[in-house]
Amino acid sequence: MIETYYQQIQEILSNNTFQEYGVLGLFLNSLLSATAIPLPTEILTSALLVGGENELLIAMVLIAGSSIGGLINYFIGFGGKKLFSKYKNEKNQKSLNEQRKGHKLLNKFGWSAIFFSSWIPVIGDLILISAGVKKMEFKKFVLLMIAGKIVKSTIVVTGLGALF
């Protein structure tokens, strides 16, 4: 079973489709990935590294895309509280439960939750939305969110760069 997954990963990484859009595709991928759409950026990052793209450029593009996505999340929360309460119904009950998880983590861990949110798939994005709902101090939010994105992107690119 592990061998099958390994072969599938090798096929994906050797596929030039990911490399076709280059760093622009990576930027869009990281932007969407940072806005509660669970798209893995690591696959495209690996493909670009295999293709010989510059590690520093890849890291900068990941940081830019994911940081803009994080800001979008904050502003969704900042202005979207009325929208969420207006359309509160059974269809989005699951979404509201996930949003509550983001609130709980933000309440429990405070500003450190903002820093580490980039490491938590989907729930991390909800933490950033919750920060907007709570109207947390914007300058401090941006500083901690971008610092977290820088650390994560640097570790991911450096780690994957060492593998490829």
Protein backbone atom coordinates (compact mmCIF):
# COMPACT_ATOMS: atom_id res chain seq x y z
CA MET A 1 0.00 0.00 0.00
CA ILE A 2 2.80 2.44 0.87
CA GLU A 3 4.52 1.50 -2.36
CA THR A 4 1.38 2.42 -4.32
CA TYR A 5 1.26 5.86 -2.70
CA TYR A 6 4.96 6.34 -3.35
CA GLN A 7 4.46 5.51 -7.04
CA GLN A 8 1.51 7.89 -7.29
CA ILE A 9 3.54 10.69 -5.71
CA GLN A 10 6.40 10.03 -8.12
CA GLU A 11 3.98 10.21 -11.06
CA ILE A 12 2.58 13.51 -9.82
CA LEU A 13 6.01 15.03 -9.23
CA SER A 14 7.31 13.94 -12.60
CA ASN A 15 4.25 15.38 -14.35
CA ASN A 16 5.12 18.67 -16.06
CA THR A 17 1.56 19.96 -15.69
CA PHE A 18 2.36 21.41 -12.27
CA GLN A 19 5.48 23.09 -13.57
CA GLU A 20 3.64 24.57 -16.55
CA TYR A 21 2.34 27.53 -14.53
CA GLY A 22 5.51 27.89 -12.50
CA VAL A 23 5.62 30.36 -9.66
CA LEU A 24 2.38 32.04 -10.75
CA GLY A 25 0.59 28.72 -10.25
CA LEU A 26 2.30 28.36 -6.88
CA PHE A 27 1.18 31.86 -5.88
CA LEU A 28 -2.45 31.12 -6.78
CA ASN A 29 -2.23 27.70 -5.10
CA SER A 30 -0.89 29.19 -1.86
CA LEU A 31 -3.42 32.02 -1.95
CA LEU A 32 -6.35 29.63 -2.31
CA SER A 33 -4.84 27.20 0.17
CA ALA A 34 -4.69 29.96 2.78
CA THR A 35 -8.39 30.78 2.37
CA ALA A 36 -9.95 27.61 3.81
CA ILE A 37 -9.75 25.68 0.52
CA PRO A 38 -7.68 22.61 1.38
CA LEU A 39 -5.18 22.61 -1.50
CA PRO A 40 -1.76 21.19 -0.69
CA THR A 41 1.02 23.56 -1.73
CA GLU A 42 3.72 21.02 -0.97
CA ILE A 43 3.09 19.03 -4.17
CA LEU A 44 3.54 22.03 -6.44
CA THR A 45 6.48 23.25 -4.35
CA SER A 46 8.14 19.85 -4.78
CA ALA A 47 7.47 19.86 -8.52
CA LEU A 48 9.06 23.28 -8.89
CA LEU A 49 12.07 22.25 -6.84
CA VAL A 50 12.47 19.11 -8.96
CA GLY A 51 12.27 21.40 -12.01
CA GLY A 52 15.20 23.44 -10.70
CA GLU A 53 13.37 26.58 -9.60
CA ASN A 54 15.17 28.86 -7.13
CA GLU A 55 14.37 27.99 -3.48
CA LEU A 56 14.38 31.63 -2.37
CA LEU A 57 11.90 32.59 -5.11
CA ILE A 58 9.63 29.67 -4.19
CA ALA A 59 9.73 30.64 -0.50
CA MET A 60 8.94 34.29 -1.28
CA VAL A 61 6.01 33.32 -3.52
CA LEU A 62 4.63 30.95 -0.84
CA ILE A 63 4.93 33.66 1.80
CA ALA A 64 3.26 36.28 -0.40
CA GLY A 65 0.38 34.06 -1.50
CA SER A 66 -0.36 32.60 1.91
CA SER A 67 -0.05 36.00 3.63
CA ILE A 68 -2.53 37.61 1.23
CA GLY A 69 -4.83 34.64 1.83
CA GLY A 70 -4.47 35.17 5.58
CA LEU A 71 -5.39 38.84 5.19
CA ILE A 72 -8.44 37.86 3.16
CA ASN A 73 -9.46 35.55 6.01
CA TYR A 74 -9.10 38.37 8.53
CA PHE A 75 -11.27 40.70 6.43
CA ILE A 76 -13.86 37.97 5.87
CA GLY A 77 -14.16 37.71 9.63
CA PHE A 78 -14.00 41.47 10.16
CA GLY A 79 -16.91 42.21 7.86
CA GLY A 80 -18.53 38.82 7.67
CA LYS A 81 -19.94 38.45 11.16
CA LYS A 82 -23.22 39.99 10.04
CA LEU A 83 -23.27 37.73 7.00
CA PHE A 84 -22.76 34.58 9.09
CA SER A 85 -25.47 35.51 11.58
CA LYS A 86 -27.90 36.60 8.83
CA TYR A 87 -27.71 33.30 6.99
CA LYS A 88 -27.57 31.07 10.03
CA ASN A 89 -29.46 27.90 9.12
CA GLU A 90 -29.16 24.15 9.15
CA LYS A 91 -27.13 23.99 5.91
CA ASN A 92 -24.18 25.86 7.33
CA GLN A 93 -24.38 24.38 10.84
CA LYS A 94 -21.24 22.32 10.14
CA SER A 95 -19.45 25.46 9.02
CA LEU A 96 -20.51 27.21 12.22
CA ASN A 97 -19.21 24.31 14.32
CA GLU A 98 -15.82 24.55 12.58
CA GLN A 99 -15.83 28.32 13.11
CA ARG A 100 -16.44 27.73 16.83
CA LYS A 101 -13.32 25.52 16.89
CA GLY A 102 -11.36 28.46 15.52
CA HIS A 103 -12.83 30.72 18.22
CA LYS A 104 -11.99 28.20 20.95
CA LEU A 105 -8.37 27.87 19.82
CA LEU A 106 -8.02 31.63 19.51
CA ASN A 107 -9.49 32.15 23.00
CA LYS A 108 -7.27 29.45 24.50
CA PHE A 109 -3.95 30.34 22.87
CA GLY A 110 -4.42 34.04 22.03
CA TRP A 111 -1.85 35.65 19.80
CA SER A 112 0.26 32.51 19.55
CA ALA A 113 -2.67 30.87 17.72
CA ILE A 114 -2.24 33.49 14.98
CA PHE A 115 1.46 32.63 14.63
CA PHE A 116 0.86 28.86 14.49
CA SER A 117 -2.32 29.00 12.39
CA SER A 118 -0.40 28.33 9.16
CA TRP A 119 0.50 24.86 10.49
CA ILE A 120 -3.11 23.82 11.13
CA PRO A 121 -5.02 22.89 7.95
CA VAL A 122 -8.49 24.47 7.61
CA ILE A 123 -8.86 25.20 11.36
CA GLY A 124 -5.88 27.58 11.08
CA ASP A 125 -7.76 29.54 8.43
CA LEU A 126 -10.78 29.66 10.72
CA ILE A 127 -8.55 31.03 13.49
CA LEU A 128 -7.61 33.92 11.19
CA ILE A 129 -11.27 34.51 10.35
CA SER A 130 -12.04 34.48 14.09
CA ALA A 131 -9.35 37.10 14.62
CA GLY A 132 -11.21 39.32 12.19
CA VAL A 133 -14.53 38.64 13.88
CA LYS A 134 -12.97 39.63 17.22
CA LYS A 135 -11.41 42.69 15.53
CA MET A 136 -8.00 41.91 16.98
CA GLU A 137 -5.34 44.59 16.62
CA PHE A 138 -4.53 44.60 12.90
CA LYS A 139 -0.82 45.54 13.06
CA LYS A 140 -0.05 42.83 15.61
CA PHE A 141 -2.18 40.35 13.65
CA VAL A 142 -0.27 41.06 10.42
CA LEU A 143 3.11 40.83 12.15
CA LEU A 144 2.40 37.48 13.84
CA MET A 145 0.56 35.97 10.86
CA ILE A 146 3.33 36.86 8.38
CA ALA A 147 6.02 35.71 10.82
CA GLY A 148 4.26 32.34 11.07
CA LYS A 149 3.96 32.11 7.28
CA ILE A 150 7.67 32.95 6.89
CA VAL A 151 8.74 30.26 9.36
CA LYS A 152 6.48 27.60 7.83
CA SER A 153 7.39 28.43 4.22
CA THR A 154 11.10 28.49 5.02
CA ILE A 155 10.97 25.11 6.76
CA VAL A 156 8.86 23.54 3.98
CA VAL A 157 11.03 24.83 1.12
CA THR A 158 14.28 24.04 2.91
CA GLY A 159 13.06 20.56 3.88
CA LEU A 160 11.72 19.72 0.43
CA GLY A 161 14.81 21.29 -1.16
CA ALA A 162 17.00 18.93 0.85
CA LEU A 163 14.96 15.98 -0.41
CA PHE A 164 15.12 17.01 -4.05
